[in-house]
Amino acid sequence: MAIDDLPRQLASTKYFTLGIPHAVTVSQDGGRVLFLRTRGGEDPVTCLWGLDLADGAGDGGGVRERLIVDPAASWHFGPGDVPEAERVRRERARETAAGIVAYSADAACQTVVFALDGRLWVLRAGDGPRAPAGVPELVPAAAGVTDPRIDPTGQRVAYVADGALHVTELADGTGRLLSAPEHDDVSYGLAEHVAAESMLRFRGYWWAPDGERLLAARVDNSPVQRWWIADPADPDRPPRAIRYPAAGTANADVTLHVLRLDGGRTEVTWDRGVYEYVTAAEWDSHGPLLSVQSRDQRAVMVLGADAATGQTTLLHTEHDEAWVELAPGTPARTSAGDLVTVSDRDGSRRLVVGGAAVTPDGLHIDSVSGIDGETVYCTATDERDPTDRHLWRYEPGQGLSRCSAEPGVHDGAAEGGTVVVLSRTEAGGGAAVAWRDGTRAAIASLEAEPVLKPRITWLTLG
């Protein structure tokens, strides 16, 4: 191929994002890993893959990948229309591939749900490590399914359709409308524009660990000004109306509610007049946890919520005269309840666990990748070599250790003692899995070989 083919290759590979493993989920016991990846560097259809610790056990073959769900198989009856809400979600998440672009698994990674062309599917992935690609079942659901998420126990799935939040029992397909929008500018269970674009909060609802309740965002876009966007490639198509909160104009009105399966609801309360942004939320074993930010972005409060009353308790505050930099993955809590945040202290951006900074001078935390019991995984850059970003592990009593080795940009996921390191280096992408018992496996990256390879010379100045 000639250098003139590079623009064509950039288009066909989606800027070299195809064929790279991503969206990793590790089972609660650490024995199973799920991930998404296309079949090759120019294949635009994403499949669901898996690794099981039992693979190869006793035969010396090691742990091997297996294809779990293939959207190109006969169970899928061809491409359909992607719902508008799902199209917007993919755009905000910078997702350009087709197929299974997102999925949700129960705590054991035995049952998986996903949306494909606006329909809801479930796969029982626990038929053994050597099972071939599974055959998903269509779940009865309203039209236009967006962002389905299974509850941690694997009994039911929630999803959004036309701004309403629904729940379906997987055992018999019984569905219920949990919360419906009061008018056209209201939605439940979806992230608003500011959260998804500026705060990297793409979710709008979170299951309780017992699967009996949800914490859901209600978004009222009626205060937000309306914009009209035309399609230059299709002049006959009418302009599309969107609600866009330009700087200095009104934002969406966002509230959080605890929704019970019996239809009851409780609003979570805080000073929304001062703290109008919901930057993050989750529901762990200690209850709902949320982070709210002021309009000037100079103050952040971390709040714990009482699921029964909706009352909140202040757990932590951050303030900066310029602005508070948000760290993805925070706030979070360890199994014992220690609050995990990221804070600028003494010239470094530090990991803070239980109120104590646990990272040294010069190491700047970028995000928290996950919590495994009392162990915290995070990504960070050492100011002595800012071209690299590594995955780090903090263990009480053991201190800080690095999980990634090669120069590059690394991230990961961990659960049940299993660690998955996702890497992008000069040699390309890839992933490595390390189980607690010492077993290791590689997840291949199938990205295309660039027709143009840059010749890089690293210089250190100053």
Protein backbone atom coordinates (compact mmCIF):
# COMPACT_ATOMS: atom_id res chain seq x y z
CA MET A 1 0.00 0.00 0.00
CA ALA A 2 1.15 3.53 -0.72
CA ILE A 3 1.08 6.42 1.70
CA ASP A 4 -1.89 7.76 -0.28
CA ASP A 5 -3.87 4.84 1.15
CA LEU A 6 -3.56 6.13 4.72
CA PRO A 7 -6.77 8.25 4.67
CA ARG A 8 -8.69 5.25 3.35
CA GLN A 9 -7.19 3.04 6.06
CA LEU A 10 -8.04 5.54 8.77
CA ALA A 11 -11.66 5.38 7.63
CA SER A 12 -11.83 1.59 7.30
CA THR A 13 -10.23 1.00 10.70
CA LYS A 14 -12.18 3.77 12.48
CA TYR A 15 -8.82 5.38 13.25
CA PHE A 16 -7.33 2.03 14.33
CA THR A 17 -9.92 1.37 17.01
CA LEU A 18 -11.28 -1.84 15.46
CA GLY A 19 -9.90 -5.19 16.60
CA ILE A 20 -8.81 -3.87 20.01
CA PRO A 21 -10.22 -5.55 23.16
CA HIS A 22 -12.22 -3.23 25.39
CA ALA A 23 -15.22 -3.06 27.77
CA VAL A 24 -13.76 -5.69 30.10
CA THR A 25 -15.86 -7.25 32.87
CA VAL A 26 -14.41 -9.60 35.50
CA SER A 27 -16.70 -11.92 37.46
CA GLN A 28 -17.04 -11.43 41.20
CA ASP A 29 -15.06 -14.60 41.93
CA GLY A 30 -12.38 -13.63 39.41
CA GLY A 31 -12.82 -16.82 37.36
CA ARG A 32 -14.29 -15.35 34.19
CA VAL A 33 -13.45 -12.38 31.95
CA LEU A 34 -15.75 -10.91 29.29
CA PHE A 35 -14.75 -8.33 26.70
CA LEU A 36 -15.74 -6.81 23.36
CA ARG A 37 -13.69 -6.93 20.17
CA THR A 38 -14.24 -7.06 16.42
CA ARG A 39 -12.82 -9.98 14.44
CA GLY A 40 -10.19 -7.84 12.75
CA GLY A 41 -8.80 -4.39 12.16
CA GLU A 42 -11.29 -3.55 9.42
CA ASP A 43 -14.27 -5.55 10.68
CA PRO A 44 -16.85 -3.05 12.01
CA VAL A 45 -19.02 -5.61 13.86
CA THR A 46 -18.23 -6.06 17.54
CA CYS A 47 -18.59 -9.49 19.16
CA LEU A 48 -18.65 -10.60 22.80
CA TRP A 49 -15.73 -12.81 23.83
CA GLY A 50 -14.71 -14.54 27.04
CA LEU A 51 -11.97 -16.24 29.00
CA ASP A 52 -12.56 -18.83 31.72
CA LEU A 53 -10.02 -19.99 34.25
CA ALA A 54 -11.27 -23.55 33.66
CA ASP A 55 -10.21 -23.39 30.00
CA GLY A 56 -7.35 -25.77 29.38
CA ALA A 57 -7.28 -26.96 32.98
CA GLY A 58 -5.43 -30.24 33.26
CA ASP A 59 -4.35 -30.46 29.62
CA GLY A 60 -1.54 -27.92 29.66
CA GLY A 61 -3.29 -25.88 27.02
CA GLY A 62 -3.60 -22.74 29.09
CA VAL A 63 -6.52 -20.33 29.05
CA ARG A 64 -8.02 -19.65 25.63
CA GLU A 65 -10.44 -17.12 24.24
CA ARG A 66 -13.85 -18.18 23.06
CA LEU A 67 -16.45 -16.38 21.03
CA ILE A 68 -19.59 -16.01 23.14
CA VAL A 69 -21.96 -13.90 21.01
CA ASP A 70 -21.61 -13.27 17.28
CA PRO A 71 -24.10 -10.72 15.85
CA ALA A 72 -23.41 -12.05 12.35
CA ALA A 73 -24.85 -15.48 13.25
CA SER A 74 -28.26 -16.66 12.11
CA TRP A 75 -30.11 -15.69 15.30
CA HIS A 76 -29.77 -12.03 14.30
CA PHE A 77 -32.10 -11.16 11.45
CA GLY A 78 -30.11 -8.32 9.96
CA PRO A 79 -29.58 -4.66 10.79
CA GLY A 80 -32.48 -2.58 11.96
CA ASP A 81 -32.96 0.99 13.09
CA VAL A 82 -30.86 2.22 15.99
CA PRO A 83 -33.07 4.20 18.41
CA GLU A 84 -32.35 7.92 18.60
CA ALA A 85 -31.45 7.74 22.30
CA GLU A 86 -29.01 4.89 21.58
CA ARG A 87 -27.50 6.81 18.66
CA VAL A 88 -26.93 9.80 20.94
CA ARG A 89 -25.44 7.56 23.64
CA ARG A 90 -22.98 6.03 21.16
CA GLU A 91 -22.01 9.45 19.85
CA ARG A 92 -21.27 10.75 23.34
CA ALA A 93 -19.31 7.59 24.19
CA ARG A 94 -17.38 7.94 20.89
CA GLU A 95 -18.54 4.48 19.84
CA THR A 96 -18.28 4.06 16.06
CA ALA A 97 -18.49 0.29 15.57
CA ALA A 98 -21.62 -1.79 14.99
CA GLY A 99 -22.81 -5.05 16.53
CA ILE A 100 -22.71 -5.44 20.31
CA VAL A 101 -21.23 -2.10 21.35
CA ALA A 102 -22.21 -2.46 25.01
CA TYR A 103 -23.39 -5.23 27.33
CA SER A 104 -24.24 -5.86 30.97
CA ALA A 105 -23.42 -8.98 32.99
CA ASP A 106 -24.51 -10.22 36.38
CA ALA A 107 -21.99 -10.52 39.22
CA ALA A 108 -21.03 -14.06 38.18
CA CYS A 109 -20.75 -13.15 34.47
CA GLN A 110 -23.10 -16.06 33.77
CA THR A 111 -25.96 -14.05 32.26
CA VAL A 112 -25.44 -11.22 29.77
CA VAL A 113 -27.93 -8.74 28.31
CA PHE A 114 -27.46 -6.34 25.43
CA ALA A 115 -29.42 -4.26 22.93
CA LEU A 116 -29.15 -4.81 19.20
CA ASP A 117 -31.08 -2.61 16.77
CA GLY A 118 -33.47 -1.52 19.50
CA ARG A 119 -34.30 -5.06 20.67
CA LEU A 120 -33.38 -6.67 23.98
CA TRP A 121 -31.42 -9.93 24.10
CA VAL A 122 -30.23 -12.23 26.89
CA LEU A 123 -27.58 -14.94 26.80
CA ARG A 124 -26.99 -17.58 29.44
CA ALA A 125 -23.21 -17.67 29.18
CA GLY A 126 -22.66 -20.25 31.89
CA ASP A 127 -22.89 -23.46 29.87
CA GLY A 128 -19.22 -24.32 30.39
CA PRO A 129 -15.93 -22.89 29.20
CA ARG A 130 -15.75 -25.00 26.05
CA ALA A 131 -19.24 -24.10 24.78
CA PRO A 132 -19.37 -22.59 21.27
CA ALA A 133 -20.80 -19.18 20.47
CA GLY A 134 -24.13 -18.95 22.26
CA VAL A 135 -27.59 -18.33 20.89
CA PRO A 136 -29.17 -15.33 22.61
CA GLU A 137 -32.88 -15.20 23.35
CA LEU A 138 -35.10 -12.26 22.49
CA VAL A 139 -36.60 -10.71 25.63
CA PRO A 140 -40.09 -9.14 25.45
CA ALA A 141 -39.57 -5.39 25.69
CA ALA A 142 -40.87 -2.04 24.51
CA ALA A 143 -39.60 -0.80 21.16
CA GLY A 144 -36.38 1.19 21.04
CA VAL A 145 -34.39 -0.44 23.87
CA THR A 146 -31.47 1.70 25.08
CA ASP A 147 -28.78 0.94 27.70
CA PRO A 148 -30.09 -2.34 29.19
CA ARG A 149 -28.50 -3.32 32.52
CA ILE A 150 -28.97 -6.58 34.35
CA ASP A 151 -29.30 -6.53 38.12
CA PRO A 152 -26.36 -8.00 40.08
CA THR A 153 -28.33 -11.15 40.97
CA GLY A 154 -29.11 -11.89 37.31
CA GLN A 155 -32.89 -12.09 37.78
CA ARG A 156 -34.12 -9.02 35.90
CA VAL A 157 -33.04 -6.35 33.45
CA ALA A 158 -33.79 -2.63 33.30
CA TYR A 159 -33.72 -0.55 30.14
CA VAL A 160 -34.82 2.81 28.74
CA ALA A 161 -37.30 3.22 25.88
CA ASP A 162 -38.75 6.57 24.78
CA GLY A 163 -37.47 8.20 27.96
CA ALA A 164 -39.21 5.68 30.24
CA LEU A 165 -37.47 3.23 32.57
CA HIS A 166 -38.68 -0.38 32.32
CA VAL A 167 -37.84 -3.61 34.19
CA THR A 168 -38.35 -7.14 32.82
CA GLU A 169 -38.12 -10.41 34.73
CA LEU A 170 -35.80 -12.74 32.81
CA ALA A 171 -37.44 -15.90 34.14
CA ASP A 172 -40.83 -15.34 32.49
CA GLY A 173 -40.54 -12.11 30.46
CA THR A 174 -42.94 -10.20 32.72
CA GLY A 175 -42.36 -6.49 32.28
CA ARG A 176 -43.30 -3.41 34.25
CA LEU A 177 -43.08 0.31 33.55
CA LEU A 178 -41.10 1.67 36.47
CA SER A 179 -41.12 5.38 35.63
CA ALA A 180 -42.65 7.24 32.69
CA PRO A 181 -41.80 10.79 31.54
CA GLU A 182 -44.38 13.42 32.49
CA HIS A 183 -43.90 15.27 29.19
CA ASP A 184 -41.76 15.16 26.04
CA ASP A 185 -38.77 16.98 27.56
CA VAL A 186 -38.41 14.58 30.49
CA SER A 187 -36.52 11.29 30.52
CA TYR A 188 -35.67 8.71 33.18
CA GLY A 189 -32.49 6.65 33.28
CA LEU A 190 -30.45 8.61 30.71
CA ALA A 191 -27.49 10.93 31.21
CA GLU A 192 -28.05 14.53 30.20
CA HIS A 193 -25.83 16.32 27.66
CA VAL A 194 -23.51 18.02 30.18
CA ALA A 195 -22.90 14.83 32.17
CA ALA A 196 -22.10 12.69 29.12
CA GLU A 197 -20.06 15.24 27.18
CA SER A 198 -18.16 17.04 29.93
CA MET A 199 -18.22 14.78 32.98
CA LEU A 200 -17.93 11.33 31.36
CA ARG A 201 -21.04 10.10 33.15
CA PHE A 202 -22.76 8.06 30.47
CA ARG A 203 -25.17 6.25 32.78
CA GLY A 204 -28.50 7.42 34.14
CA TYR A 205 -29.48 4.60 36.54
CA TRP A 206 -27.85 2.16 38.94
CA TRP A 207 -29.09 -1.12 40.45
CA ALA A 208 -29.05 -1.84 44.17
CA PRO A 209 -26.92 -4.91 45.00
CA ASP A 210 -30.04 -6.95 45.88
CA GLY A 211 -31.76 -6.12 42.58
CA GLU A 212 -34.90 -4.83 44.33
CA ARG A 213 -34.42 -1.08 43.77
CA LEU A 214 -32.74 1.35 41.41
CA LEU A 215 -31.24 4.81 41.73
CA ALA A 216 -32.37 6.72 38.63
CA ALA A 217 -31.84 10.18 37.21
CA ARG A 218 -34.85 12.22 36.09
CA VAL A 219 -33.79 14.78 33.48
CA ASP A 220 -36.06 17.70 32.56
CA ASN A 221 -34.70 19.44 29.47
CA SER A 222 -37.46 22.02 29.18
CA PRO A 223 -35.25 24.87 30.56
CA VAL A 224 -32.57 24.12 27.93
CA GLN A 225 -32.61 26.15 24.74
CA ARG A 226 -33.49 24.40 21.50
CA TRP A 227 -31.05 24.22 18.56
CA TRP A 228 -31.66 23.00 15.02
CA ILE A 229 -29.07 20.92 13.16
CA ALA A 230 -29.33 20.27 9.44
CA ASP A 231 -27.64 17.48 7.50
CA PRO A 232 -25.47 19.02 4.73
CA ALA A 233 -25.25 15.62 3.03
CA ASP A 234 -29.04 15.37 2.81
CA PRO A 235 -30.62 18.79 2.12
CA ASP A 236 -34.09 17.21 1.82
CA ARG A 237 -33.97 16.00 5.40
CA PRO A 238 -35.65 18.36 7.90
CA PRO A 239 -33.33 19.87 10.54
CA ARG A 240 -33.11 17.91 13.78
CA ALA A 241 -34.06 19.67 17.02
CA ILE A 242 -31.81 19.18 20.04
CA ARG A 243 -31.62 20.68 23.50
CA TYR A 244 -28.14 22.16 23.89
CA PRO A 245 -27.00 24.01 27.06
CA ALA A 246 -24.59 26.55 25.61
CA ALA A 247 -22.23 28.26 28.07
CA GLY A 248 -24.08 30.71 30.26
CA THR A 249 -27.54 29.34 29.43
CA ALA A 250 -29.87 27.15 31.47
CA ASN A 251 -28.96 23.52 32.17
CA ALA A 252 -31.29 20.57 32.43
CA ASP A 253 -32.99 20.07 35.79
CA VAL A 254 -31.57 16.78 37.13
CA THR A 255 -32.93 14.93 40.16
CA LEU A 256 -32.20 11.47 41.56
CA HIS A 257 -34.86 9.03 42.73
CA VAL A 258 -34.86 5.64 44.44
CA LEU A 259 -37.35 3.53 42.48
CA ARG A 260 -38.83 0.36 43.98
CA LEU A 261 -40.11 -2.52 41.91
CA ASP A 262 -43.56 -2.08 43.43
CA GLY A 263 -43.79 1.40 41.89
CA GLY A 264 -42.85 3.42 44.96
CA ARG A 265 -40.27 6.18 44.72
CA THR A 266 -38.25 8.45 46.99
CA GLU A 267 -36.40 11.56 45.83
CA VAL A 268 -32.80 12.03 46.94
CA THR A 269 -32.36 15.52 48.38
CA TRP A 270 -29.46 17.97 48.43
CA ASP A 271 -28.99 21.70 47.76
CA ARG A 272 -29.66 21.60 44.03
CA GLY A 273 -29.75 25.39 43.88
CA VAL A 274 -26.00 25.48 44.52
CA TYR A 275 -24.97 22.02 43.31
CA GLU A 276 -26.86 21.48 40.05
CA TYR A 277 -24.53 18.96 38.38
CA VAL A 278 -24.65 15.25 39.24
CA THR A 279 -21.15 14.22 38.25
CA ALA A 280 -21.20 10.59 39.40
CA ALA A 281 -23.37 8.06 41.19
CA GLU A 282 -23.42 4.38 42.14
CA TRP A 283 -25.09 1.99 44.58
CA ASP A 284 -22.72 -0.24 46.52
CA SER A 285 -23.14 -2.46 49.59
CA HIS A 286 -23.22 0.67 51.78
CA GLY A 287 -26.05 2.34 49.87
CA PRO A 288 -26.36 5.06 47.20
CA LEU A 289 -23.29 7.26 46.71
CA LEU A 290 -23.25 10.42 44.60
CA SER A 291 -21.10 13.39 43.72
CA VAL A 292 -22.57 16.83 42.96
CA GLN A 293 -20.85 19.96 41.64
CA SER A 294 -21.58 23.67 41.64
CA ARG A 295 -22.31 25.57 38.41
CA ASP A 296 -18.94 27.38 38.55
CA GLN A 297 -17.25 23.95 38.95
CA ARG A 298 -15.22 25.17 41.93
CA ALA A 299 -16.88 22.97 44.54
CA VAL A 300 -17.80 19.29 44.72
CA MET A 301 -19.68 17.43 47.47
CA VAL A 302 -19.64 13.65 47.92
CA LEU A 303 -22.86 12.47 49.52
CA GLY A 304 -24.13 9.21 50.94
CA ALA A 305 -27.88 8.73 50.62
CA ASP A 306 -30.43 6.90 52.72
CA ALA A 307 -32.39 4.79 50.26
CA ALA A 308 -35.49 4.78 52.49
CA THR A 309 -35.78 8.51 53.21
CA GLY A 310 -33.74 10.14 50.44
CA GLN A 311 -31.80 12.18 52.99
CA THR A 312 -28.11 12.71 52.22
CA THR A 313 -25.04 12.86 54.44
CA LEU A 314 -21.96 14.87 53.54
CA LEU A 315 -18.94 12.56 53.25
CA HIS A 316 -16.35 14.76 51.55
CA THR A 317 -15.88 18.15 49.90
CA GLU A 318 -13.43 19.44 47.30
CA HIS A 319 -12.86 23.13 46.53
CA ASP A 320 -10.56 24.93 44.12
CA GLU A 321 -10.36 28.64 43.27
CA ALA A 322 -10.15 27.79 39.55
CA TRP A 323 -12.12 24.53 39.16
CA VAL A 324 -12.27 21.04 40.63
CA GLU A 325 -10.92 18.46 38.19
CA LEU A 326 -13.17 15.40 38.15
CA ALA A 327 -11.54 11.96 38.26
CA PRO A 328 -13.42 9.15 36.45
CA GLY A 329 -14.28 6.27 38.76
CA THR A 330 -14.68 8.46 41.83
CA PRO A 331 -16.18 8.65 44.35
CA ALA A 332 -16.13 4.98 45.35
CA ARG A 333 -15.97 2.92 48.53
CA THR A 334 -14.04 -0.14 49.59
CA SER A 335 -15.79 -3.18 51.04
CA ALA A 336 -15.15 -1.82 54.52
CA GLY A 337 -16.69 1.53 53.56
CA ASP A 338 -13.54 3.65 53.21
CA LEU A 339 -14.23 6.52 50.80
CA VAL A 340 -11.99 6.64 47.71
CA THR A 341 -11.44 10.03 46.04
CA VAL A 342 -8.76 11.91 44.11
CA SER A 343 -7.52 15.24 45.45
CA ASP A 344 -4.88 17.84 44.58
CA ARG A 345 -2.58 18.03 47.59
CA ASP A 346 0.89 19.57 47.87
CA GLY A 347 1.40 19.85 44.12
CA SER A 348 0.38 16.31 43.20
CA ARG A 349 -2.93 14.76 42.23
CA ARG A 350 -3.26 12.02 44.83
CA LEU A 351 -5.33 8.95 45.54
CA VAL A 352 -7.11 9.41 48.86
CA VAL A 353 -8.46 6.36 50.74
CA GLY A 354 -10.31 6.83 53.99
CA GLY A 355 -9.18 10.46 54.15
CA ALA A 356 -5.46 9.68 53.81
CA ALA A 357 -3.39 10.36 50.70
CA VAL A 358 -1.71 7.09 49.73
CA THR A 359 0.31 8.08 46.63
CA PRO A 360 3.69 9.86 46.62
CA ASP A 361 4.86 13.22 45.32
CA GLY A 362 5.04 13.44 41.55
CA LEU A 363 2.57 10.67 40.79
CA HIS A 364 -0.59 12.19 39.33
CA ILE A 365 -3.78 10.09 39.42
CA ASP A 366 -5.86 10.12 36.26
CA SER A 367 -8.75 7.79 37.21
CA VAL A 368 -9.84 5.02 39.54
CA SER A 369 -10.27 1.83 37.51
CA GLY A 370 -11.97 -0.27 40.18
CA ILE A 371 -12.22 -1.53 43.73
CA ASP A 372 -11.58 -5.17 44.65
CA GLY A 373 -12.39 -5.57 48.33
CA GLU A 374 -9.98 -3.19 50.05
CA THR A 375 -7.65 -2.97 47.05
CA VAL A 376 -7.89 0.10 44.81
CA TYR A 377 -6.79 0.13 41.18
CA CYS A 378 -6.02 3.43 39.48
CA THR A 379 -4.23 4.89 36.47
CA ALA A 380 -1.52 7.48 37.00
CA THR A 381 1.29 9.37 35.30
CA ASP A 382 4.70 9.95 36.84
CA GLU A 383 5.77 13.54 36.20
CA ARG A 384 9.28 12.28 35.45
CA ASP A 385 7.92 10.50 32.37
CA PRO A 386 4.61 12.09 31.34
CA THR A 387 4.40 10.10 28.09
CA ASP A 388 3.40 6.95 30.02
CA ARG A 389 0.23 6.17 31.97
CA HIS A 390 0.32 3.00 34.07
CA LEU A 391 -2.13 0.89 36.04
CA TRP A 392 -1.37 0.93 39.77
CA ARG A 393 -2.65 -1.07 42.73
CA TYR A 394 -2.95 0.18 46.30
CA GLU A 395 -3.36 -2.44 49.06
CA PRO A 396 -3.66 -1.49 52.74
CA GLY A 397 -0.61 -2.76 54.55
CA GLN A 398 1.15 -3.48 51.26
CA GLY A 399 1.29 0.00 49.78
CA LEU A 400 1.45 0.95 46.12
CA SER A 401 2.62 -1.28 43.27
CA ARG A 402 2.55 -1.03 39.49
CA CYS A 403 0.57 -3.58 37.46
CA SER A 404 1.79 -2.59 33.96
CA ALA A 405 5.37 -2.84 32.79
CA GLU A 406 5.95 -1.65 29.22
CA PRO A 407 6.12 2.03 28.29
CA GLY A 408 2.72 3.11 26.99
CA VAL A 409 -0.81 3.94 28.06
CA HIS A 410 -2.45 1.35 30.31
CA ASP A 411 -5.77 0.83 32.05
CA GLY A 412 -7.53 -2.19 33.45
CA ALA A 413 -10.16 -3.92 35.53
CA ALA A 414 -10.00 -6.22 38.54
CA GLU A 415 -12.30 -8.39 40.65
CA GLY A 416 -11.88 -11.44 42.84
CA GLY A 417 -8.10 -11.25 42.67
CA THR A 418 -8.04 -11.29 38.86
CA VAL A 419 -6.42 -8.32 37.10
CA VAL A 420 -6.83 -7.41 33.43
CA VAL A 421 -4.36 -4.86 32.04
CA LEU A 422 -5.37 -3.11 28.80
CA SER A 423 -2.38 -1.63 27.01
CA ARG A 424 -1.51 0.62 24.09
CA THR A 425 2.22 0.68 23.35
CA GLU A 426 4.42 1.48 20.36
CA ALA A 427 4.00 -2.16 19.37
CA GLY A 428 0.19 -1.85 19.33
CA GLY A 429 -2.70 -2.77 21.60
CA GLY A 430 -3.44 -5.81 23.71
CA ALA A 431 -4.47 -7.11 27.09
CA ALA A 432 -3.03 -9.43 29.72
CA VAL A 433 -4.94 -11.33 32.40
CA ALA A 434 -3.42 -12.47 35.67
CA TRP A 435 -5.42 -14.74 37.98
CA ARG A 436 -4.80 -14.99 41.71
CA ASP A 437 -3.47 -18.56 41.37
CA GLY A 438 -0.70 -17.37 39.05
CA THR A 439 -2.40 -18.39 35.79
CA ARG A 440 -1.84 -15.87 33.01
CA ALA A 441 -3.47 -15.36 29.64
CA ALA A 442 -3.20 -12.93 26.76
CA ILE A 443 -6.07 -11.27 24.94
CA ALA A 444 -4.96 -10.60 21.39
CA SER A 445 -5.37 -7.27 19.70
CA LEU A 446 -6.41 -7.66 16.05
CA GLU A 447 -5.87 -4.08 14.95
CA ALA A 448 -4.72 -3.41 11.40
CA GLU A 449 -1.08 -2.82 10.51
CA PRO A 450 -0.67 0.89 9.61
CA VAL A 451 0.55 1.64 6.10
CA LEU A 452 2.48 4.53 7.61
CA LYS A 453 4.59 4.00 10.70
CA PRO A 454 5.86 7.16 12.38
CA ARG A 455 9.54 7.37 13.25
CA ILE A 456 9.50 8.69 16.80
CA THR A 457 12.38 10.40 18.54
CA TRP A 458 11.81 11.06 22.24
CA LEU A 459 13.39 14.24 23.60
CA THR A 460 13.54 15.50 27.17
CA LEU A 461 13.69 19.25 27.59
CA GLY A 462 13.77 21.57 30.58
